[in-house]
Amino acid sequence: MTEARPGDWFTIGMDTWMLGAEAAMVIGLRGMTLAMGGAQAQREAQRMVAEKVEASAALGMALATGKLGSSAESVTRGTVSHLRKKVRANRRRLSSR
């Protein structure tokens, strides 16, 4: 197993921080949508649950098949990257309303 360079872990940490910041934005935007109620809120709630199930299944499959690599660094980087793509897409979609 190859050890990560300190700079690599710093970058992963910054990406993880950005994941948290973007996730907080999505939570706020989704909360506003859900608070308005109605058909749009119902669709958003269903979409939210479906996306979480799908993202978890895809991440689990990537981990099980070795697509994320075998080192702690590569698995962490792949996991954060996978989740950031999903969260970023939601932030963009919800911000455009």
PDB file of N, CA and C in Angstrom:
ATOM      1  N   MET A   1       0.840  -1.164   0.000  1.00  0.00           N
ATOM      2  CA  MET A   1       0.000   0.000   0.000  1.00  0.00           C
ATOM      3  C   MET A   1       0.894   1.239   0.000  1.00  0.00           C
ATOM      4  N   THR A   2       0.563   2.195  -0.860  1.00  0.00           N
ATOM      5  CA  THR A   2       1.332   3.432  -0.962  1.00  0.00           C
ATOM      6  C   THR A   2       0.790   4.454   0.024  1.00  0.00           C
ATOM      7  N   GLU A   3       1.686   5.110   0.735  1.00  0.00           N
ATOM      8  CA  GLU A   3       1.238   6.143   1.673  1.00  0.00           C
ATOM      9  C   GLU A   3       0.974   7.434   0.938  1.00  0.00           C
ATOM     10  N   ALA A   4      -0.011   8.165   1.404  1.00  0.00           N
ATOM     11  CA  ALA A   4      -0.349   9.448   0.801  1.00  0.00           C
ATOM     12  C   ALA A   4       0.658  10.498   1.230  1.00  0.00           C
ATOM     13  N   ARG A   5       0.931  11.418   0.319  1.00  0.00           N
ATOM     14  CA  ARG A   5       1.760  12.558   0.678  1.00  0.00           C
ATOM     15  C   ARG A   5       0.897  13.508   1.496  1.00  0.00           C
ATOM     16  N   PRO A   6       1.482  14.270   2.413  1.00  0.00           N
ATOM     17  CA  PRO A   6       0.690  15.195   3.231  1.00  0.00           C
ATOM     18  C   PRO A   6      -0.174  16.136   2.404  1.00  0.00           C
ATOM     19  N   GLY A   7       0.327  16.603   1.278  1.00  0.00           N
ATOM     20  CA  GLY A   7      -0.448  17.489   0.414  1.00  0.00           C
ATOM     21  C   GLY A   7      -1.690  16.828  -0.138  1.00  0.00           C
ATOM     22  N   ASP A   8      -1.607  15.524  -0.410  1.00  0.00           N
ATOM     23  CA  ASP A   8      -2.758  14.790  -0.919  1.00  0.00           C
ATOM     24  C   ASP A   8      -3.884  14.779   0.108  1.00  0.00           C
ATOM     25  N   TRP A   9      -3.537  14.536   1.343  1.00  0.00           N
ATOM     26  CA  TRP A   9      -4.556  14.506   2.391  1.00  0.00           C
ATOM     27  C   TRP A   9      -5.127  15.897   2.651  1.00  0.00           C
ATOM     28  N   PHE A  10      -4.304  16.918   2.477  1.00  0.00           N
ATOM     29  CA  PHE A  10      -4.812  18.279   2.627  1.00  0.00           C
ATOM     30  C   PHE A  10      -5.873  18.567   1.557  1.00  0.00           C
ATOM     31  N   THR A  11      -5.588  18.170   0.328  1.00  0.00           N
ATOM     32  CA  THR A  11      -6.542  18.375  -0.770  1.00  0.00           C
ATOM     33  C   THR A  11      -7.829  17.596  -0.513  1.00  0.00           C
ATOM     34  N   ILE A  12      -7.690  16.378  -0.054  1.00  0.00           N
ATOM     35  CA  ILE A  12      -8.875  15.575   0.273  1.00  0.00           C
ATOM     36  C   ILE A  12      -9.668  16.254   1.388  1.00  0.00           C
ATOM     37  N   GLY A  13      -8.976  16.793   2.366  1.00  0.00           N
ATOM     38  CA  GLY A  13      -9.650  17.503   3.455  1.00  0.00           C
ATOM     39  C   GLY A  13     -10.397  18.724   2.961  1.00  0.00           C
ATOM     40  N   MET A  14      -9.783  19.477   2.055  1.00  0.00           N
ATOM     41  CA  MET A  14     -10.452  20.656   1.502  1.00  0.00           C
ATOM     42  C   MET A  14     -11.662  20.256   0.663  1.00  0.00           C
ATOM     43  N   ASP A  15     -11.537  19.181  -0.106  1.00  0.00           N
ATOM     44  CA  ASP A  15     -12.676  18.683  -0.884  1.00  0.00           C
ATOM     45  C   ASP A  15     -13.802  18.229   0.033  1.00  0.00           C
ATOM     46  N   THR A  16     -13.442  17.622   1.137  1.00  0.00           N
ATOM     47  CA  THR A  16     -14.441  17.182   2.112  1.00  0.00           C
ATOM     48  C   THR A  16     -15.136  18.380   2.745  1.00  0.00           C
ATOM     49  N   TRP A  17     -14.364  19.417   3.036  1.00  0.00           N
ATOM     50  CA  TRP A  17     -14.948  20.646   3.594  1.00  0.00           C
ATOM     51  C   TRP A  17     -15.934  21.246   2.601  1.00  0.00           C
ATOM     52  N   MET A  18     -15.559  21.282   1.316  1.00  0.00           N
ATOM     53  CA  MET A  18     -16.458  21.810   0.286  1.00  0.00           C
ATOM     54  C   MET A  18     -17.716  20.956   0.158  1.00  0.00           C
ATOM     55  N   LEU A  19     -17.564  19.655   0.302  1.00  0.00           N
ATOM     56  CA  LEU A  19     -18.730  18.768   0.282  1.00  0.00           C
ATOM     57  C   LEU A  19     -19.697  19.168   1.396  1.00  0.00           C
ATOM     58  N   GLY A  20     -19.157  19.405   2.578  1.00  0.00           N
ATOM     59  CA  GLY A  20     -20.012  19.815   3.696  1.00  0.00           C
ATOM     60  C   GLY A  20     -20.684  21.151   3.461  1.00  0.00           C
ATOM     61  N   ALA A  21     -19.938  22.113   2.895  1.00  0.00           N
ATOM     62  CA  ALA A  21     -20.510  23.434   2.626  1.00  0.00           C
ATOM     63  C   ALA A  21     -21.616  23.347   1.574  1.00  0.00           C
ATOM     64  N   GLU A  22     -21.365  22.603   0.511  1.00  0.00           N
ATOM     65  CA  GLU A  22     -22.383  22.458  -0.534  1.00  0.00           C
ATOM     66  C   GLU A  22     -23.595  21.673  -0.017  1.00  0.00           C
ATOM     67  N   ALA A  23     -23.344  20.678   0.804  1.00  0.00           N
ATOM     68  CA  ALA A  23     -24.455  19.901   1.370  1.00  0.00           C
ATOM     69  C   ALA A  23     -25.329  20.788   2.248  1.00  0.00           C
ATOM     70  N   ALA A  24     -24.703  21.698   3.007  1.00  0.00           N
ATOM     71  CA  ALA A  24     -25.476  22.621   3.846  1.00  0.00           C
ATOM     72  C   ALA A  24     -26.356  23.521   2.982  1.00  0.00           C
ATOM     73  N   MET A  25     -25.825  23.962   1.842  1.00  0.00           N
ATOM     74  CA  MET A  25     -26.621  24.785   0.924  1.00  0.00           C
ATOM     75  C   MET A  25     -27.807  23.997   0.388  1.00  0.00           C
ATOM     76  N   VAL A  26     -27.556  22.748   0.009  1.00  0.00           N
ATOM     77  CA  VAL A  26     -28.636  21.910  -0.526  1.00  0.00           C
ATOM     78  C   VAL A  26     -29.699  21.677   0.549  1.00  0.00           C
ATOM     79  N   ILE A  27     -29.285  21.448   1.768  1.00  0.00           N
ATOM     80  CA  ILE A  27     -30.250  21.241   2.852  1.00  0.00           C
ATOM     81  C   ILE A  27     -31.138  22.473   2.998  1.00  0.00           C
ATOM     82  N   GLY A  28     -30.536  23.655   2.976  1.00  0.00           N
ATOM     83  CA  GLY A  28     -31.312  24.887   3.086  1.00  0.00           C
ATOM     84  C   GLY A  28     -32.264  25.075   1.921  1.00  0.00           C
ATOM     85  N   LEU A  29     -31.766  24.862   0.710  1.00  0.00           N
ATOM     86  CA  LEU A  29     -32.608  25.023  -0.477  1.00  0.00           C
ATOM     87  C   LEU A  29     -33.741  23.996  -0.501  1.00  0.00           C
ATOM     88  N   ARG A  30     -33.418  22.776  -0.134  1.00  0.00           N
ATOM     89  CA  ARG A  30     -34.464  21.748  -0.097  1.00  0.00           C
ATOM     90  C   ARG A  30     -35.465  22.048   1.008  1.00  0.00           C
ATOM     91  N   GLY A  31     -34.967  22.530   2.122  1.00  0.00           N
ATOM     92  CA  GLY A  31     -35.869  22.873   3.226  1.00  0.00           C
ATOM     93  C   GLY A  31     -36.888  23.921   2.813  1.00  0.00           C
ATOM     94  N   MET A  32     -36.441  24.922   2.050  1.00  0.00           N
ATOM     95  CA  MET A  32     -37.371  25.954   1.569  1.00  0.00           C
ATOM     96  C   MET A  32     -38.400  25.353   0.617  1.00  0.00           C
ATOM     97  N   THR A  33     -37.958  24.467  -0.254  1.00  0.00           N
ATOM     98  CA  THR A  33     -38.878  23.822  -1.195  1.00  0.00           C
ATOM     99  C   THR A  33     -39.905  22.982  -0.447  1.00  0.00           C
ATOM    100  N   LEU A  34     -39.431  22.216   0.523  1.00  0.00           N
ATOM    101  CA  LEU A  34     -40.342  21.355   1.284  1.00  0.00           C
ATOM    102  C   LEU A  34     -41.304  22.188   2.139  1.00  0.00           C
ATOM    103  N   ALA A  35     -40.831  23.312   2.657  1.00  0.00           N
ATOM    104  CA  ALA A  35     -41.675  24.160   3.508  1.00  0.00           C
ATOM    105  C   ALA A  35     -42.829  24.774   2.723  1.00  0.00           C
ATOM    106  N   MET A  36     -42.633  24.983   1.418  1.00  0.00           N
ATOM    107  CA  MET A  36     -43.706  25.555   0.594  1.00  0.00           C
ATOM    108  C   MET A  36     -44.840  24.565   0.380  1.00  0.00           C
ATOM    109  N   GLY A  37     -44.537  23.288   0.519  1.00  0.00           N
ATOM    110  CA  GLY A  37     -45.570  22.264   0.356  1.00  0.00           C
ATOM    111  C   GLY A  37     -45.998  22.107  -1.088  1.00  0.00           C
ATOM    112  N   GLY A  38     -47.049  21.362  -1.279  1.00  0.00           N
ATOM    113  CA  GLY A  38     -47.606  21.177  -2.613  1.00  0.00           C
ATOM    114  C   GLY A  38     -46.920  20.070  -3.392  1.00  0.00           C
ATOM    115  N   ALA A  39     -47.274  20.034  -4.675  1.00  0.00           N
ATOM    116  CA  ALA A  39     -46.775  18.974  -5.556  1.00  0.00           C
ATOM    117  C   ALA A  39     -45.262  19.052  -5.733  1.00  0.00           C
ATOM    118  N   GLN A  40     -44.721  20.266  -5.823  1.00  0.00           N
ATOM    119  CA  GLN A  40     -43.277  20.410  -5.998  1.00  0.00           C
ATOM    120  C   GLN A  40     -42.527  19.865  -4.785  1.00  0.00           C
ATOM    121  N   ALA A  41     -43.046  20.113  -3.598  1.00  0.00           N
ATOM    122  CA  ALA A  41     -42.414  19.598  -2.382  1.00  0.00           C
ATOM    123  C   ALA A  41     -42.477  18.070  -2.349  1.00  0.00           C
ATOM    124  N   GLN A  42     -43.596  17.525  -2.767  1.00  0.00           N
ATOM    125  CA  GLN A  42     -43.744  16.065  -2.804  1.00  0.00           C
ATOM    126  C   GLN A  42     -42.733  15.442  -3.760  1.00  0.00           C
ATOM    127  N   ARG A  43     -42.595  16.046  -4.949  1.00  0.00           N
ATOM    128  CA  ARG A  43     -41.623  15.535  -5.928  1.00  0.00           C
ATOM    129  C   ARG A  43     -40.198  15.636  -5.381  1.00  0.00           C
ATOM    130  N   GLU A  44     -39.899  16.745  -4.720  1.00  0.00           N
ATOM    131  CA  GLU A  44     -38.550  16.942  -4.189  1.00  0.00           C
ATOM    132  C   GLU A  44     -38.246  15.930  -3.088  1.00  0.00           C
ATOM    133  N   ALA A  45     -39.223  15.668  -2.230  1.00  0.00           N
ATOM    134  CA  ALA A  45     -39.025  14.685  -1.155  1.00  0.00           C
ATOM    135  C   ALA A  45     -38.774  13.291  -1.734  1.00  0.00           C
ATOM    136  N   GLN A  46     -39.550  12.927  -2.738  1.00  0.00           N
ATOM    137  CA  GLN A  46     -39.369  11.618  -3.364  1.00  0.00           C
ATOM    138  C   GLN A  46     -38.024  11.540  -4.088  1.00  0.00           C
ATOM    139  N   ARG A  47     -37.672  12.622  -4.767  1.00  0.00           N
ATOM    140  CA  ARG A  47     -36.397  12.662  -5.476  1.00  0.00           C
ATOM    141  C   ARG A  47     -35.240  12.541  -4.495  1.00  0.00           C
ATOM    142  N   MET A  48     -35.342  13.238  -3.375  1.00  0.00           N
ATOM    143  CA  MET A  48     -34.278  13.239  -2.373  1.00  0.00           C
ATOM    144  C   MET A  48     -34.012  11.811  -1.870  1.00  0.00           C
ATOM    145  N   VAL A  49     -35.064  11.099  -1.540  1.00  0.00           N
ATOM    146  CA  VAL A  49     -34.907   9.735  -1.035  1.00  0.00           C
ATOM    147  C   VAL A  49     -34.338   8.820  -2.127  1.00  0.00           C
ATOM    148  N   ALA A  50     -34.879   8.930  -3.338  1.00  0.00           N
ATOM    149  CA  ALA A  50     -34.404   8.086  -4.440  1.00  0.00           C
ATOM    150  C   ALA A  50     -32.930   8.350  -4.743  1.00  0.00           C
ATOM    151  N   GLU A  51     -32.534   9.623  -4.723  1.00  0.00           N
ATOM    152  CA  GLU A  51     -31.134   9.969  -4.997  1.00  0.00           C
ATOM    153  C   GLU A  51     -30.199   9.392  -3.938  1.00  0.00           C
ATOM    154  N   LYS A  52     -30.623   9.437  -2.694  1.00  0.00           N
ATOM    155  CA  LYS A  52     -29.770   8.924  -1.622  1.00  0.00           C
ATOM    156  C   LYS A  52     -29.589   7.415  -1.743  1.00  0.00           C
ATOM    157  N   VAL A  53     -30.655   6.714  -2.059  1.00  0.00           N
ATOM    158  CA  VAL A  53     -30.579   5.264  -2.239  1.00  0.00           C
ATOM    159  C   VAL A  53     -29.676   4.936  -3.425  1.00  0.00           C
ATOM    160  N   GLU A  54     -29.882   5.654  -4.542  1.00  0.00           N
ATOM    161  CA  GLU A  54     -29.091   5.410  -5.740  1.00  0.00           C
ATOM    162  C   GLU A  54     -27.609   5.725  -5.513  1.00  0.00           C
ATOM    163  N   ALA A  55     -27.323   6.857  -4.885  1.00  0.00           N
ATOM    164  CA  ALA A  55     -25.925   7.243  -4.640  1.00  0.00           C
ATOM    165  C   ALA A  55     -25.234   6.253  -3.708  1.00  0.00           C
ATOM    166  N   SER A  56     -25.952   5.790  -2.694  1.00  0.00           N
ATOM    167  CA  SER A  56     -25.370   4.823  -1.759  1.00  0.00           C
ATOM    168  C   SER A  56     -25.092   3.490  -2.447  1.00  0.00           C
ATOM    169  N   ALA A  57     -26.027   3.039  -3.272  1.00  0.00           N
ATOM    170  CA  ALA A  57     -25.844   1.778  -3.982  1.00  0.00           C
ATOM    171  C   ALA A  57     -24.667   1.869  -4.956  1.00  0.00           C
ATOM    172  N   ALA A  58     -24.581   2.984  -5.690  1.00  0.00           N
ATOM    173  CA  ALA A  58     -23.486   3.157  -6.655  1.00  0.00           C
ATOM    174  C   ALA A  58     -22.144   3.221  -5.935  1.00  0.00           C
ATOM    175  N   LEU A  59     -22.105   3.911  -4.811  1.00  0.00           N
ATOM    176  CA  LEU A  59     -20.862   4.006  -4.049  1.00  0.00           C
ATOM    177  C   LEU A  59     -20.466   2.646  -3.487  1.00  0.00           C
ATOM    178  N   GLY A  60     -21.427   1.906  -2.967  1.00  0.00           N
ATOM    179  CA  GLY A  60     -21.153   0.565  -2.452  1.00  0.00           C
ATOM    180  C   GLY A  60     -20.638  -0.370  -3.531  1.00  0.00           C
ATOM    181  N   MET A  61     -21.216  -0.270  -4.729  1.00  0.00           N
ATOM    182  CA  MET A  61     -20.776  -1.113  -5.840  1.00  0.00           C
ATOM    183  C   MET A  61     -19.361  -0.733  -6.273  1.00  0.00           C
ATOM    184  N   ALA A  62     -19.085   0.571  -6.325  1.00  0.00           N
ATOM    185  CA  ALA A  62     -17.736   1.018  -6.700  1.00  0.00           C
ATOM    186  C   ALA A  62     -16.711   0.525  -5.683  1.00  0.00           C
ATOM    187  N   LEU A  63     -17.059   0.548  -4.426  1.00  0.00           N
ATOM    188  CA  LEU A  63     -16.160   0.074  -3.377  1.00  0.00           C
ATOM    189  C   LEU A  63     -15.963  -1.440  -3.489  1.00  0.00           C
ATOM    190  N   ALA A  64     -17.059  -2.158  -3.678  1.00  0.00           N
ATOM    191  CA  ALA A  64     -16.987  -3.621  -3.742  1.00  0.00           C
ATOM    192  C   ALA A  64     -16.221  -4.123  -4.964  1.00  0.00           C
ATOM    193  N   THR A  65     -16.279  -3.392  -6.058  1.00  0.00           N
ATOM    194  CA  THR A  65     -15.615  -3.833  -7.280  1.00  0.00           C
ATOM    195  C   THR A  65     -14.201  -3.279  -7.426  1.00  0.00           C
ATOM    196  N   GLY A  66     -13.768  -2.491  -6.465  1.00  0.00           N
ATOM    197  CA  GLY A  66     -12.412  -1.965  -6.494  1.00  0.00           C
ATOM    198  C   GLY A  66     -12.221  -0.728  -7.344  1.00  0.00           C
ATOM    199  N   LYS A  67     -13.316  -0.133  -7.844  1.00  0.00           N
ATOM    200  CA  LYS A  67     -13.196   1.057  -8.682  1.00  0.00           C
ATOM    201  C   LYS A  67     -12.659   2.264  -7.916  1.00  0.00           C
ATOM    202  N   LEU A  68     -12.752   2.217  -6.599  1.00  0.00           N
ATOM    203  CA  LEU A  68     -12.240   3.319  -5.788  1.00  0.00           C
ATOM    204  C   LEU A  68     -10.783   3.107  -5.398  1.00  0.00           C
ATOM    205  N   GLY A  69     -10.231   1.984  -5.789  1.00  0.00           N
ATOM    206  CA  GLY A  69      -8.854   1.670  -5.431  1.00  0.00           C
ATOM    207  C   GLY A  69      -8.806   0.869  -4.146  1.00  0.00           C
ATOM    208  N   SER A  70      -7.597   0.720  -3.619  1.00  0.00           N
ATOM    209  CA  SER A  70      -7.452  -0.094  -2.408  1.00  0.00           C
ATOM    210  C   SER A  70      -6.790   0.650  -1.263  1.00  0.00           C
ATOM    211  N   SER A  71      -6.226   1.803  -1.526  1.00  0.00           N
ATOM    212  CA  SER A  71      -5.593   2.554  -0.433  1.00  0.00           C
ATOM    213  C   SER A  71      -6.632   3.449   0.241  1.00  0.00           C
ATOM    214  N   ALA A  72      -6.352   3.800   1.466  1.00  0.00           N
ATOM    215  CA  ALA A  72      -7.251   4.698   2.200  1.00  0.00           C
ATOM    216  C   ALA A  72      -7.419   6.012   1.453  1.00  0.00           C
ATOM    217  N   GLU A  73      -6.326   6.497   0.888  1.00  0.00           N
ATOM    218  CA  GLU A  73      -6.368   7.759   0.157  1.00  0.00           C
ATOM    219  C   GLU A  73      -7.280   7.670  -1.072  1.00  0.00           C
ATOM    220  N   SER A  74      -7.121   6.632  -1.873  1.00  0.00           N
ATOM    221  CA  SER A  74      -7.914   6.537  -3.100  1.00  0.00           C
ATOM    222  C   SER A  74      -9.392   6.297  -2.801  1.00  0.00           C
ATOM    223  N   VAL A  75      -9.680   5.491  -1.788  1.00  0.00           N
ATOM    224  CA  VAL A  75     -11.076   5.244  -1.418  1.00  0.00           C
ATOM    225  C   VAL A  75     -11.710   6.531  -0.891  1.00  0.00           C
ATOM    226  N   THR A  76     -10.982   7.256  -0.061  1.00  0.00           N
ATOM    227  CA  THR A  76     -11.509   8.512   0.474  1.00  0.00           C
ATOM    228  C   THR A  76     -11.724   9.521  -0.643  1.00  0.00           C
ATOM    229  N   ARG A  77     -10.723   9.680  -1.505  1.00  0.00           N
ATOM    230  CA  ARG A  77     -10.830  10.632  -2.616  1.00  0.00           C
ATOM    231  C   ARG A  77     -12.000  10.258  -3.530  1.00  0.00           C
ATOM    232  N   GLY A  78     -12.137   8.992  -3.854  1.00  0.00           N
ATOM    233  CA  GLY A  78     -13.225   8.539  -4.718  1.00  0.00           C
ATOM    234  C   GLY A  78     -14.595   8.737  -4.095  1.00  0.00           C
ATOM    235  N   THR A  79     -14.683   8.482  -2.797  1.00  0.00           N
ATOM    236  CA  THR A  79     -15.955   8.655  -2.096  1.00  0.00           C
ATOM    237  C   THR A  79     -16.366  10.117  -2.080  1.00  0.00           C
ATOM    238  N   VAL A  80     -15.445  10.984  -1.713  1.00  0.00           N
ATOM    239  CA  VAL A  80     -15.750  12.409  -1.651  1.00  0.00           C
ATOM    240  C   VAL A  80     -16.098  12.931  -3.044  1.00  0.00           C
ATOM    241  N   SER A  81     -15.359  12.510  -4.048  1.00  0.00           N
ATOM    242  CA  SER A  81     -15.621  12.936  -5.420  1.00  0.00           C
ATOM    243  C   SER A  81     -17.014  12.501  -5.873  1.00  0.00           C
ATOM    244  N   HIS A  82     -17.361  11.257  -5.595  1.00  0.00           N
ATOM    245  CA  HIS A  82     -18.674  10.720  -5.966  1.00  0.00           C
ATOM    246  C   HIS A  82     -19.790  11.545  -5.319  1.00  0.00           C
ATOM    247  N   LEU A  83     -19.659  11.802  -4.040  1.00  0.00           N
ATOM    248  CA  LEU A  83     -20.699  12.532  -3.325  1.00  0.00           C
ATOM    249  C   LEU A  83     -20.765  13.997  -3.745  1.00  0.00           C
ATOM    250  N   ARG A  84     -19.610  14.602  -3.983  1.00  0.00           N
ATOM    251  CA  ARG A  84     -19.604  16.018  -4.394  1.00  0.00           C
ATOM    252  C   ARG A  84     -20.302  16.210  -5.729  1.00  0.00           C
ATOM    253  N   LYS A  85     -20.151  15.279  -6.650  1.00  0.00           N
ATOM    254  CA  LYS A  85     -20.828  15.404  -7.945  1.00  0.00           C
ATOM    255  C   LYS A  85     -22.340  15.448  -7.758  1.00  0.00           C
ATOM    256  N   LYS A  86     -22.840  14.577  -6.903  1.00  0.00           N
ATOM    257  CA  LYS A  86     -24.277  14.517  -6.664  1.00  0.00           C
ATOM    258  C   LYS A  86     -24.768  15.779  -5.958  1.00  0.00           C
ATOM    259  N   VAL A  87     -24.041  16.199  -4.938  1.00  0.00           N
ATOM    260  CA  VAL A  87     -24.438  17.377  -4.161  1.00  0.00           C
ATOM    261  C   VAL A  87     -24.346  18.635  -5.022  1.00  0.00           C
ATOM    262  N   ARG A  88     -23.276  18.758  -5.808  1.00  0.00           N
ATOM    263  CA  ARG A  88     -23.095  19.927  -6.676  1.00  0.00           C
ATOM    264  C   ARG A  88     -24.240  20.024  -7.686  1.00  0.00           C
ATOM    265  N   ALA A  89     -24.629  18.905  -8.262  1.00  0.00           N
ATOM    266  CA  ALA A  89     -25.729  18.898  -9.229  1.00  0.00           C
ATOM    267  C   ALA A  89     -27.026  19.362  -8.564  1.00  0.00           C
ATOM    268  N   ASN A  90     -27.262  18.905  -7.352  1.00  0.00           N
ATOM    269  CA  ASN A  90     -28.463  19.329  -6.632  1.00  0.00           C
ATOM    270  C   ASN A  90     -28.422  20.816  -6.285  1.00  0.00           C
ATOM    271  N   ARG A  91     -27.257  21.305  -5.886  1.00  0.00           N
ATOM    272  CA  ARG A  91     -27.131  22.723  -5.556  1.00  0.00           C
ATOM    273  C   ARG A  91     -27.444  23.571  -6.784  1.00  0.00           C
ATOM    274  N   ARG A  92     -26.881  23.193  -7.921  1.00  0.00           N
ATOM    275  CA  ARG A  92     -27.143  23.944  -9.157  1.00  0.00           C
ATOM    276  C   ARG A  92     -28.613  23.889  -9.537  1.00  0.00           C
ATOM    277  N   ARG A  93     -29.195  22.706  -9.464  1.00  0.00           N
ATOM    278  CA  ARG A  93     -30.600  22.556  -9.836  1.00  0.00           C
ATOM    279  C   ARG A  93     -31.517  23.358  -8.920  1.00  0.00           C
ATOM    280  N   LEU A  94     -31.282  23.258  -7.628  1.00  0.00           N
ATOM    281  CA  LEU A  94     -32.141  23.946  -6.666  1.00  0.00           C
ATOM    282  C   LEU A  94     -31.923  25.461  -6.652  1.00  0.00           C
ATOM    283  N   SER A  95     -30.721  25.896  -6.999  1.00  0.00           N
ATOM    284  CA  SER A  95     -30.425  27.337  -7.029  1.00  0.00           C
ATOM    285  C   SER A  95     -31.048  28.018  -8.240  1.00  0.00           C
ATOM    286  N   SER A  96     -31.315  27.261  -9.265  1.00  0.00           N
ATOM    287  CA  SER A  96     -31.837  27.855 -10.499  1.00  0.00           C
ATOM    288  C   SER A  96     -33.354  28.085 -10.450  1.00  0.00           C
ATOM    289  N   ARG A  97     -33.979  27.715  -9.381  1.00  0.00           N
ATOM    290  CA  ARG A  97     -35.443  27.876  -9.284  1.00  0.00           C
ATOM    291  C   ARG A  97     -35.810  29.282  -8.933  1.00  0.00           C
TER     292      ARG A  97
END
